[in-house]
Amino acid sequence: MAIVKCVLYRKSTEEIINFNYMVNDEYMPPSGLDPDLAVYPYYYPHPEPDFDARLFVLQVNQTIKEDPHPDYQNVGQYEITYSEVKRDHEEMKIEVQNAMTAANQSIYNGYNMGEVVIKTAYVLDKKINSEVLVTWENEILSLNKEIAAKIQNNLDICKQKMADIDLGKPVNIDEGWITE
């Protein structure tokens, strides 16, 4: 004996009046039910798909079918299926930009960027005034060039992903970013 989750359907108005109607499976269909009512056990022919919610929205499709339920041959079924619907291009582009921002933040990992920026401004001022740079100052400039090049590469990757979105090509948001 098991309790089965069903919908309770009013035939005359063609509406579901209870989405959480519980029935003992030994009494399917339940006896003594008003003739204007019908019981449809939930049926999930396929599991919920694994999908990237940044690119797709999961649409839940619910249909009352008179086809016999696979487990309860004397009643129909309340079939639940899923469809992946592509988000609009602008929403997907925002997600790509967010992924680029996250990748760029991981490039900074381990650096106090406020400190790096202040030191860089100091070093550039010395360089503009033709002062001789010491080792740590040259290292700051090298670090900035390295970070800037990685950020520019990520921007180029971002632009390509956005162009692919505009062309309707599939895009893997997480793939290809420079993170170290």
N, C-alpha and C. Protein backbone atom coordinates (compact mmCIF):
# COMPACT_ATOMS: atom_id res chain seq x y z
N MET A 1 0.83 -1.16 0.00
CA MET A 1 0.00 0.00 0.00
C MET A 1 0.89 1.25 0.00
N ALA A 2 0.54 2.18 -0.88
CA ALA A 2 1.27 3.44 -0.96
C ALA A 2 0.28 4.57 -1.21
N ILE A 3 0.66 5.72 -0.79
CA ILE A 3 -0.15 6.92 -1.04
C ILE A 3 0.36 7.55 -2.33
N VAL A 4 -0.56 7.87 -3.23
CA VAL A 4 -0.21 8.40 -4.55
C VAL A 4 -0.68 9.84 -4.65
N LYS A 5 0.23 10.70 -5.08
CA LYS A 5 -0.13 12.11 -5.28
C LYS A 5 -0.84 12.24 -6.63
N CYS A 6 -2.00 12.89 -6.59
CA CYS A 6 -2.82 13.04 -7.80
C CYS A 6 -3.33 14.48 -7.90
N VAL A 7 -3.92 14.76 -9.05
CA VAL A 7 -4.70 15.99 -9.19
C VAL A 7 -6.17 15.57 -9.20
N LEU A 8 -6.98 16.43 -8.66
CA LEU A 8 -8.42 16.21 -8.68
C LEU A 8 -8.99 17.18 -9.69
N TYR A 9 -9.69 16.63 -10.69
CA TYR A 9 -10.11 17.40 -11.86
C TYR A 9 -11.63 17.43 -11.95
N ARG A 10 -12.18 18.63 -12.16
CA ARG A 10 -13.61 18.78 -12.35
C ARG A 10 -13.88 18.80 -13.85
N LYS A 11 -14.59 17.79 -14.34
CA LYS A 11 -14.83 17.63 -15.77
C LYS A 11 -15.70 18.76 -16.34
N SER A 12 -16.75 19.15 -15.62
CA SER A 12 -17.70 20.13 -16.16
C SER A 12 -17.06 21.50 -16.41
N THR A 13 -16.09 21.86 -15.59
CA THR A 13 -15.44 23.17 -15.75
C THR A 13 -14.04 23.04 -16.35
N GLU A 14 -13.61 21.81 -16.52
CA GLU A 14 -12.27 21.52 -17.06
C GLU A 14 -11.18 22.23 -16.27
N GLU A 15 -11.27 22.10 -14.95
CA GLU A 15 -10.25 22.73 -14.11
C GLU A 15 -9.76 21.76 -13.05
N ILE A 16 -8.52 21.94 -12.69
CA ILE A 16 -7.95 21.17 -11.59
C ILE A 16 -8.33 21.90 -10.31
N ILE A 17 -8.97 21.18 -9.41
CA ILE A 17 -9.42 21.82 -8.18
C ILE A 17 -8.53 21.48 -6.99
N ASN A 18 -7.65 20.48 -7.15
CA ASN A 18 -6.71 20.14 -6.09
C ASN A 18 -5.47 19.52 -6.73
N PHE A 19 -4.32 20.13 -6.53
CA PHE A 19 -3.07 19.62 -7.10
C PHE A 19 -2.36 18.65 -6.17
N ASN A 20 -2.89 18.47 -4.99
CA ASN A 20 -2.23 17.64 -4.00
C ASN A 20 -3.22 16.66 -3.37
N TYR A 21 -3.97 15.98 -4.22
CA TYR A 21 -4.98 15.03 -3.77
C TYR A 21 -4.30 13.68 -3.55
N MET A 22 -4.37 13.15 -2.35
CA MET A 22 -3.70 11.90 -2.03
C MET A 22 -4.68 10.72 -2.06
N VAL A 23 -4.24 9.64 -2.71
CA VAL A 23 -5.09 8.46 -2.86
C VAL A 23 -4.28 7.22 -2.49
N ASN A 24 -4.91 6.31 -1.79
CA ASN A 24 -4.29 5.02 -1.50
C ASN A 24 -4.26 4.23 -2.81
N ASP A 25 -3.09 3.73 -3.20
CA ASP A 25 -2.97 3.06 -4.50
C ASP A 25 -3.81 1.79 -4.62
N GLU A 26 -4.24 1.22 -3.51
CA GLU A 26 -5.09 0.02 -3.56
C GLU A 26 -6.50 0.36 -4.03
N TYR A 27 -6.86 1.63 -3.97
CA TYR A 27 -8.20 2.06 -4.34
C TYR A 27 -8.14 3.03 -5.52
N MET A 28 -7.42 2.65 -6.56
CA MET A 28 -7.27 3.52 -7.72
C MET A 28 -8.11 2.97 -8.85
N PRO A 29 -9.08 3.65 -9.39
CA PRO A 29 -9.52 4.96 -8.96
C PRO A 29 -10.33 4.85 -7.67
N PRO A 30 -10.40 5.93 -6.92
CA PRO A 30 -11.15 5.86 -5.66
C PRO A 30 -12.64 5.67 -5.91
N SER A 31 -13.27 4.86 -5.09
CA SER A 31 -14.71 4.63 -5.27
C SER A 31 -15.50 5.72 -4.56
N GLY A 32 -16.73 5.94 -5.02
CA GLY A 32 -17.61 6.91 -4.40
C GLY A 32 -17.30 8.35 -4.77
N LEU A 33 -16.46 8.54 -5.78
CA LEU A 33 -16.09 9.89 -6.21
C LEU A 33 -17.24 10.50 -7.01
N ASP A 34 -17.50 11.75 -6.81
CA ASP A 34 -18.52 12.48 -7.58
C ASP A 34 -18.27 12.21 -9.07
N PRO A 35 -19.30 11.88 -9.87
CA PRO A 35 -19.11 11.57 -11.29
C PRO A 35 -18.53 12.74 -12.09
N ASP A 36 -18.61 13.96 -11.54
CA ASP A 36 -18.05 15.13 -12.23
C ASP A 36 -16.56 15.28 -11.94
N LEU A 37 -16.03 14.43 -11.06
CA LEU A 37 -14.62 14.53 -10.69
C LEU A 37 -13.84 13.34 -11.24
N ALA A 38 -12.58 13.57 -11.51
CA ALA A 38 -11.68 12.50 -11.94
C ALA A 38 -10.34 12.68 -11.23
N VAL A 39 -9.66 11.57 -11.02
CA VAL A 39 -8.35 11.58 -10.36
C VAL A 39 -7.30 11.18 -11.39
N TYR A 40 -6.22 11.97 -11.45
CA TYR A 40 -5.11 11.70 -12.37
C TYR A 40 -3.80 11.68 -11.57
N PRO A 41 -3.19 10.50 -11.42
CA PRO A 41 -1.90 10.45 -10.71
C PRO A 41 -0.82 11.18 -11.50
N TYR A 42 0.09 11.80 -10.76
CA TYR A 42 1.23 12.45 -11.40
C TYR A 42 2.07 11.41 -12.13
N TYR A 43 2.59 11.80 -13.28
CA TYR A 43 3.45 10.90 -14.06
C TYR A 43 4.59 11.73 -14.65
N TYR A 44 5.81 11.33 -14.36
CA TYR A 44 7.01 11.99 -14.87
C TYR A 44 7.73 11.02 -15.81
N PRO A 45 7.49 11.11 -17.13
CA PRO A 45 8.11 10.16 -18.05
C PRO A 45 9.63 10.32 -18.15
N HIS A 46 10.13 11.51 -17.83
CA HIS A 46 11.57 11.78 -17.92
C HIS A 46 11.99 12.59 -16.70
N PRO A 47 13.21 12.38 -16.22
CA PRO A 47 13.67 13.20 -15.08
C PRO A 47 13.87 14.65 -15.49
N GLU A 48 13.89 15.51 -14.51
CA GLU A 48 14.15 16.93 -14.77
C GLU A 48 15.55 17.04 -15.37
N PRO A 49 15.70 17.75 -16.48
CA PRO A 49 17.01 17.80 -17.15
C PRO A 49 18.02 18.65 -16.38
N ASP A 50 19.28 18.32 -16.59
CA ASP A 50 20.38 19.11 -16.07
C ASP A 50 20.67 20.18 -17.12
N PHE A 51 20.63 21.44 -16.74
CA PHE A 51 20.80 22.50 -17.72
C PHE A 51 21.49 23.69 -17.08
N ASP A 52 22.01 24.58 -17.89
CA ASP A 52 22.66 25.79 -17.43
C ASP A 52 21.61 26.89 -17.30
N ALA A 53 21.25 27.22 -16.07
CA ALA A 53 20.18 28.19 -15.82
C ALA A 53 20.57 29.60 -16.27
N ARG A 54 21.83 29.81 -16.57
CA ARG A 54 22.24 31.12 -17.07
C ARG A 54 21.88 31.28 -18.55
N LEU A 55 21.72 30.15 -19.24
CA LEU A 55 21.41 30.19 -20.68
C LEU A 55 19.98 29.76 -20.99
N PHE A 56 19.39 28.97 -20.10
CA PHE A 56 18.07 28.42 -20.35
C PHE A 56 17.15 28.62 -19.15
N VAL A 57 15.86 28.61 -19.42
CA VAL A 57 14.83 28.59 -18.40
C VAL A 57 14.14 27.24 -18.53
N LEU A 58 13.87 26.62 -17.40
CA LEU A 58 13.18 25.34 -17.43
C LEU A 58 11.68 25.60 -17.45
N GLN A 59 11.05 25.15 -18.52
CA GLN A 59 9.60 25.27 -18.64
C GLN A 59 8.99 23.93 -18.23
N VAL A 60 8.04 23.99 -17.31
CA VAL A 60 7.36 22.78 -16.85
C VAL A 60 6.04 22.68 -17.61
N ASN A 61 5.86 21.57 -18.30
CA ASN A 61 4.65 21.33 -19.09
C ASN A 61 3.78 20.33 -18.33
N GLN A 62 2.54 20.68 -18.11
CA GLN A 62 1.61 19.84 -17.35
C GLN A 62 0.40 19.55 -18.22
N THR A 63 0.13 18.26 -18.40
CA THR A 63 -0.97 17.86 -19.29
C THR A 63 -1.77 16.73 -18.66
N ILE A 64 -3.07 16.88 -18.72
CA ILE A 64 -3.94 15.76 -18.32
C ILE A 64 -4.13 14.89 -19.56
N LYS A 65 -3.83 13.60 -19.39
CA LYS A 65 -3.96 12.66 -20.51
C LYS A 65 -4.88 11.53 -20.09
N GLU A 66 -5.66 11.11 -21.06
CA GLU A 66 -6.54 9.97 -20.81
C GLU A 66 -5.82 8.64 -21.03
N ASP A 67 -4.62 8.69 -21.59
CA ASP A 67 -3.84 7.46 -21.76
C ASP A 67 -3.65 6.82 -20.38
N PRO A 68 -3.72 5.49 -20.30
CA PRO A 68 -3.57 4.85 -18.99
C PRO A 68 -2.22 5.17 -18.34
N HIS A 69 -2.26 5.45 -17.06
CA HIS A 69 -1.04 5.68 -16.29
C HIS A 69 -0.25 4.37 -16.29
N PRO A 70 1.06 4.41 -16.44
CA PRO A 70 1.85 3.17 -16.50
C PRO A 70 1.71 2.28 -15.26
N ASP A 71 1.47 2.90 -14.10
CA ASP A 71 1.36 2.11 -12.88
C ASP A 71 -0.09 1.83 -12.46
N TYR A 72 -1.02 2.59 -12.98
CA TYR A 72 -2.43 2.46 -12.59
C TYR A 72 -3.27 2.47 -13.86
N GLN A 73 -3.49 1.32 -14.43
CA GLN A 73 -4.11 1.17 -15.75
C GLN A 73 -5.55 1.65 -15.83
N ASN A 74 -6.22 1.82 -14.69
CA ASN A 74 -7.64 2.20 -14.69
C ASN A 74 -7.87 3.71 -14.69
N VAL A 75 -6.82 4.48 -14.68
CA VAL A 75 -6.96 5.94 -14.66
C VAL A 75 -5.99 6.56 -15.66
N GLY A 76 -6.28 7.83 -16.00
CA GLY A 76 -5.38 8.57 -16.89
C GLY A 76 -4.17 9.04 -16.12
N GLN A 77 -3.54 10.09 -16.62
CA GLN A 77 -2.31 10.56 -15.98
C GLN A 77 -2.20 12.08 -16.07
N TYR A 78 -1.56 12.63 -15.06
CA TYR A 78 -1.21 14.06 -15.06
C TYR A 78 0.28 14.10 -15.38
N GLU A 79 0.56 14.28 -16.65
CA GLU A 79 1.94 14.15 -17.13
C GLU A 79 2.71 15.46 -16.95
N ILE A 80 3.88 15.34 -16.37
CA ILE A 80 4.79 16.47 -16.18
C ILE A 80 6.02 16.23 -17.04
N THR A 81 6.26 17.13 -17.98
CA THR A 81 7.47 17.07 -18.80
C THR A 81 8.17 18.42 -18.71
N TYR A 82 9.39 18.45 -19.22
CA TYR A 82 10.21 19.66 -19.12
C TYR A 82 10.74 20.05 -20.48
N SER A 83 10.86 21.35 -20.68
CA SER A 83 11.47 21.89 -21.89
C SER A 83 12.48 22.95 -21.46
N GLU A 84 13.61 22.94 -22.14
CA GLU A 84 14.60 24.00 -21.90
C GLU A 84 14.34 25.10 -22.93
N VAL A 85 14.09 26.30 -22.44
CA VAL A 85 13.82 27.44 -23.31
C VAL A 85 15.00 28.39 -23.21
N LYS A 86 15.59 28.73 -24.36
CA LYS A 86 16.73 29.64 -24.36
C LYS A 86 16.34 31.01 -23.83
N ARG A 87 17.18 31.56 -23.00
CA ARG A 87 16.98 32.93 -22.54
C ARG A 87 17.21 33.87 -23.72
N ASP A 88 16.74 35.09 -23.59
CA ASP A 88 16.99 36.03 -24.69
C ASP A 88 18.47 36.42 -24.68
N HIS A 89 18.92 36.92 -25.80
CA HIS A 89 20.35 37.19 -25.99
C HIS A 89 20.91 38.16 -24.95
N GLU A 90 20.15 39.17 -24.60
CA GLU A 90 20.66 40.15 -23.64
C GLU A 90 20.89 39.53 -22.27
N GLU A 91 20.00 38.64 -21.85
CA GLU A 91 20.18 37.95 -20.56
C GLU A 91 21.43 37.07 -20.60
N MET A 92 21.63 36.37 -21.71
CA MET A 92 22.81 35.50 -21.82
C MET A 92 24.09 36.33 -21.83
N LYS A 93 24.06 37.50 -22.48
CA LYS A 93 25.24 38.36 -22.53
C LYS A 93 25.60 38.87 -21.13
N ILE A 94 24.60 39.17 -20.33
CA ILE A 94 24.87 39.59 -18.95
C ILE A 94 25.59 38.48 -18.20
N GLU A 95 25.15 37.24 -18.41
CA GLU A 95 25.79 36.09 -17.75
C GLU A 95 27.24 35.92 -18.21
N VAL A 96 27.50 36.16 -19.50
CA VAL A 96 28.87 36.08 -20.02
C VAL A 96 29.72 37.18 -19.36
N GLN A 97 29.18 38.38 -19.26
CA GLN A 97 29.92 39.47 -18.59
C GLN A 97 30.20 39.14 -17.13
N ASN A 98 29.22 38.53 -16.45
CA ASN A 98 29.44 38.12 -15.07
C ASN A 98 30.56 37.08 -14.96
N ALA A 99 30.60 36.16 -15.91
CA ALA A 99 31.66 35.14 -15.91
C ALA A 99 33.02 35.78 -16.16
N MET A 100 33.07 36.78 -17.04
CA MET A 100 34.33 37.48 -17.29
C MET A 100 34.78 38.22 -16.03
N THR A 101 33.84 38.85 -15.34
CA THR A 101 34.18 39.57 -14.10
C THR A 101 34.74 38.60 -13.07
N ALA A 102 34.13 37.44 -12.94
CA ALA A 102 34.62 36.43 -11.98
C ALA A 102 36.01 35.94 -12.38
N ALA A 103 36.23 35.74 -13.68
CA ALA A 103 37.55 35.31 -14.14
C ALA A 103 38.59 36.39 -13.83
N ASN A 104 38.25 37.63 -14.09
CA ASN A 104 39.19 38.72 -13.83
C ASN A 104 39.48 38.85 -12.34
N GLN A 105 38.48 38.64 -11.51
CA GLN A 105 38.72 38.70 -10.06
C GLN A 105 39.67 37.60 -9.61
N SER A 106 39.59 36.44 -10.25
CA SER A 106 40.51 35.36 -9.87
C SER A 106 41.94 35.66 -10.32
N ILE A 107 42.10 36.50 -11.34
CA ILE A 107 43.44 36.92 -11.75
C ILE A 107 44.08 37.73 -10.62
N TYR A 108 43.29 38.55 -9.95
CA TYR A 108 43.79 39.38 -8.86
C TYR A 108 44.05 38.59 -7.59
N ASN A 109 43.57 37.35 -7.56
CA ASN A 109 43.64 36.55 -6.34
C ASN A 109 45.04 36.61 -5.73
N GLY A 110 45.10 36.93 -4.48
CA GLY A 110 46.39 36.99 -3.78
C GLY A 110 46.99 38.38 -3.77
N TYR A 111 46.44 39.29 -4.54
CA TYR A 111 46.95 40.66 -4.57
C TYR A 111 45.95 41.58 -3.89
N ASN A 112 46.48 42.54 -3.17
CA ASN A 112 45.64 43.61 -2.66
C ASN A 112 45.64 44.66 -3.75
N MET A 113 44.55 44.70 -4.54
CA MET A 113 44.55 45.55 -5.72
C MET A 113 44.66 47.03 -5.37
N GLY A 114 44.12 47.45 -4.24
CA GLY A 114 44.27 48.84 -3.83
C GLY A 114 45.74 49.19 -3.66
N GLU A 115 46.46 48.27 -3.04
CA GLU A 115 47.90 48.47 -2.84
C GLU A 115 48.63 48.49 -4.18
N VAL A 116 48.28 47.58 -5.07
CA VAL A 116 48.92 47.52 -6.38
C VAL A 116 48.67 48.81 -7.16
N VAL A 117 47.44 49.31 -7.12
CA VAL A 117 47.10 50.53 -7.86
C VAL A 117 47.89 51.72 -7.31
N ILE A 118 47.95 51.84 -6.00
CA ILE A 118 48.69 52.97 -5.40
C ILE A 118 50.18 52.88 -5.75
N LYS A 119 50.73 51.69 -5.63
CA LYS A 119 52.15 51.53 -5.97
C LYS A 119 52.38 51.82 -7.45
N THR A 120 51.46 51.38 -8.30
CA THR A 120 51.60 51.62 -9.75
C THR A 120 51.58 53.11 -10.05
N ALA A 121 50.68 53.83 -9.43
CA ALA A 121 50.62 55.28 -9.64
C ALA A 121 51.94 55.93 -9.22
N TYR A 122 52.48 55.49 -8.11
CA TYR A 122 53.77 56.01 -7.62
C TYR A 122 54.88 55.72 -8.62
N VAL A 123 54.93 54.46 -9.10
CA VAL A 123 55.98 54.06 -10.05
C VAL A 123 55.83 54.80 -11.37
N LEU A 124 54.61 54.95 -11.86
CA LEU A 124 54.41 55.67 -13.12
C LEU A 124 54.82 57.13 -12.99
N ASP A 125 54.55 57.72 -11.85
CA ASP A 125 54.97 59.10 -11.62
C ASP A 125 56.50 59.20 -11.68
N LYS A 126 57.18 58.24 -11.05
CA LYS A 126 58.65 58.24 -11.11
C LYS A 126 59.13 58.06 -12.54
N LYS A 127 58.47 57.16 -13.28
CA LYS A 127 58.89 56.88 -14.65
C LYS A 127 58.66 58.12 -15.54
N ILE A 128 57.53 58.79 -15.38
CA ILE A 128 57.23 60.00 -16.17
C ILE A 128 58.29 61.07 -15.90
N ASN A 129 58.75 61.14 -14.65
CA ASN A 129 59.76 62.14 -14.28
C ASN A 129 61.18 61.64 -14.52
N SER A 130 61.31 60.54 -15.28
CA SER A 130 62.61 59.97 -15.67
C SER A 130 63.49 59.60 -14.48
N GLU A 131 62.85 59.22 -13.38
CA GLU A 131 63.61 58.76 -12.21
C GLU A 131 63.94 57.28 -12.40
N VAL A 132 65.03 56.85 -11.80
CA VAL A 132 65.47 55.46 -11.90
C VAL A 132 64.57 54.60 -11.01
N LEU A 133 64.10 53.46 -11.56
CA LEU A 133 63.23 52.55 -10.82
C LEU A 133 64.06 51.47 -10.15
N VAL A 134 63.67 51.13 -8.93
CA VAL A 134 64.33 50.04 -8.22
C VAL A 134 63.61 48.73 -8.55
N THR A 135 64.13 47.62 -8.08
CA THR A 135 63.64 46.29 -8.44
C THR A 135 62.14 46.13 -8.19
N TRP A 136 61.67 46.46 -6.99
CA TRP A 136 60.25 46.25 -6.68
C TRP A 136 59.35 47.09 -7.57
N GLU A 137 59.85 48.27 -7.97
CA GLU A 137 59.05 49.14 -8.84
C GLU A 137 58.93 48.54 -10.24
N ASN A 138 60.02 47.96 -10.74
CA ASN A 138 59.95 47.26 -12.04
C ASN A 138 59.04 46.04 -11.96
N GLU A 139 59.06 45.37 -10.81
CA GLU A 139 58.19 44.21 -10.62
C GLU A 139 56.71 44.62 -10.63
N ILE A 140 56.41 45.78 -10.04
CA ILE A 140 55.02 46.28 -10.06
C ILE A 140 54.58 46.55 -11.49
N LEU A 141 55.45 47.15 -12.29
CA LEU A 141 55.10 47.42 -13.69
C LEU A 141 54.90 46.12 -14.46
N SER A 142 55.76 45.14 -14.22
CA SER A 142 55.61 43.83 -14.89
C SER A 142 54.31 43.16 -14.47
N LEU A 143 54.01 43.23 -13.18
CA LEU A 143 52.77 42.64 -12.67
C LEU A 143 51.56 43.29 -13.34
N ASN A 144 51.57 44.61 -13.46
CA ASN A 144 50.47 45.33 -14.11
C ASN A 144 50.34 44.94 -15.57
N LYS A 145 51.44 44.80 -16.27
CA LYS A 145 51.38 44.40 -17.68
C LYS A 145 50.78 43.00 -17.80
N GLU A 146 51.20 42.12 -16.91
CA GLU A 146 50.70 40.74 -16.93
C GLU A 146 49.19 40.71 -16.66
N ILE A 147 48.76 41.43 -15.63
CA ILE A 147 47.34 41.47 -15.29
C ILE A 147 46.54 42.11 -16.42
N ALA A 148 47.04 43.21 -16.95
CA ALA A 148 46.33 43.91 -18.03
C ALA A 148 46.19 43.02 -19.27
N ALA A 149 47.22 42.27 -19.60
CA ALA A 149 47.16 41.38 -20.76
C ALA A 149 46.10 40.29 -20.56
N LYS A 150 46.03 39.74 -19.35
CA LYS A 150 45.04 38.69 -19.06
C LYS A 150 43.62 39.27 -19.11
N ILE A 151 43.46 40.46 -18.56
CA ILE A 151 42.14 41.10 -18.59
C ILE A 151 41.72 41.38 -20.03
N GLN A 152 42.67 41.85 -20.85
CA GLN A 152 42.36 42.11 -22.25
C GLN A 152 42.00 40.81 -22.99
N ASN A 153 42.73 39.73 -22.69
CA ASN A 153 42.39 38.43 -23.30
C ASN A 153 40.98 38.01 -22.90
N ASN A 154 40.62 38.21 -21.64
CA ASN A 154 39.27 37.85 -21.20
C ASN A 154 38.22 38.73 -21.89
N LEU A 155 38.55 39.99 -22.12
CA LEU A 155 37.62 40.86 -22.84
C LEU A 155 37.43 40.36 -24.27
N ASP A 156 38.50 39.93 -24.90
CA ASP A 156 38.40 39.38 -26.26
C ASP A 156 37.55 38.10 -26.27
N ILE A 157 37.75 37.25 -25.26
CA ILE A 157 36.96 36.02 -25.14
C ILE A 157 35.49 36.38 -24.94
N CYS A 158 35.24 37.38 -24.10
CA CYS A 158 33.87 37.84 -23.84
C CYS A 158 33.21 38.33 -25.13
N LYS A 159 33.92 39.13 -25.89
CA LYS A 159 33.37 39.65 -27.15
C LYS A 159 33.04 38.51 -28.11
N GLN A 160 33.90 37.49 -28.17
CA GLN A 160 33.64 36.35 -29.06
C GLN A 160 32.41 35.57 -28.61
N LYS A 161 32.29 35.36 -27.30
CA LYS A 161 31.12 34.64 -26.78
C LYS A 161 29.83 35.42 -27.09
N MET A 162 29.89 36.74 -26.96
CA MET A 162 28.71 37.56 -27.25
C MET A 162 28.37 37.53 -28.73
N ALA A 163 29.39 37.53 -29.58
CA ALA A 163 29.14 37.43 -31.02
C ALA A 163 28.51 36.07 -31.35
N ASP A 164 28.99 35.01 -30.69
CA ASP A 164 28.41 33.68 -30.90
C ASP A 164 26.95 33.65 -30.46
N ILE A 165 26.65 34.31 -29.35
CA ILE A 165 25.26 34.38 -28.89
C ILE A 165 24.40 35.06 -29.95
N ASP A 166 24.89 36.19 -30.49
CA ASP A 166 24.13 36.91 -31.52
C ASP A 166 23.90 36.06 -32.77
N LEU A 167 24.86 35.15 -33.04
CA LEU A 167 24.73 34.27 -34.22
C LEU A 167 23.92 33.01 -33.92
N GLY A 168 23.51 32.85 -32.65
CA GLY A 168 22.73 31.67 -32.28
C GLY A 168 23.57 30.43 -32.06
N LYS A 169 24.87 30.60 -31.95
CA LYS A 169 25.75 29.45 -31.71
C LYS A 169 25.71 29.07 -30.23
N PRO A 170 25.93 27.79 -29.94
CA PRO A 170 25.98 27.39 -28.52
C PRO A 170 27.21 28.00 -27.84
N VAL A 171 27.05 28.39 -26.58
CA VAL A 171 28.12 29.03 -25.83
C VAL A 171 28.29 28.32 -24.50
N ASN A 172 29.55 28.01 -24.16
CA ASN A 172 29.86 27.49 -22.83
C ASN A 172 30.38 28.67 -22.02
N ILE A 173 29.58 29.15 -21.10
CA ILE A 173 29.93 30.36 -20.36
C ILE A 173 31.21 30.19 -19.55
N ASP A 174 31.46 29.01 -19.02
CA ASP A 174 32.59 28.81 -18.10
C ASP A 174 33.90 28.49 -18.79
N GLU A 175 33.87 28.17 -20.03
CA GLU A 175 35.06 27.67 -20.72
C GLU A 175 35.90 28.80 -21.33
N GLY A 176 37.23 28.64 -21.26
CA GLY A 176 38.14 29.50 -22.00
C GLY A 176 38.69 30.71 -21.29
N TRP A 177 38.16 31.05 -20.13
CA TRP A 177 38.62 32.25 -19.42
C TRP A 177 40.03 32.06 -18.86
N ILE A 178 40.78 33.14 -18.83
CA ILE A 178 42.10 33.13 -18.18
C ILE A 178 41.86 33.53 -16.74
N THR A 179 42.29 32.66 -15.82
CA THR A 179 41.98 32.89 -14.41
C THR A 179 43.21 32.96 -13.52
N GLU A 180 44.39 32.74 -14.05
CA GLU A 180 45.60 32.77 -13.22
C GLU A 180 46.64 33.65 -13.84
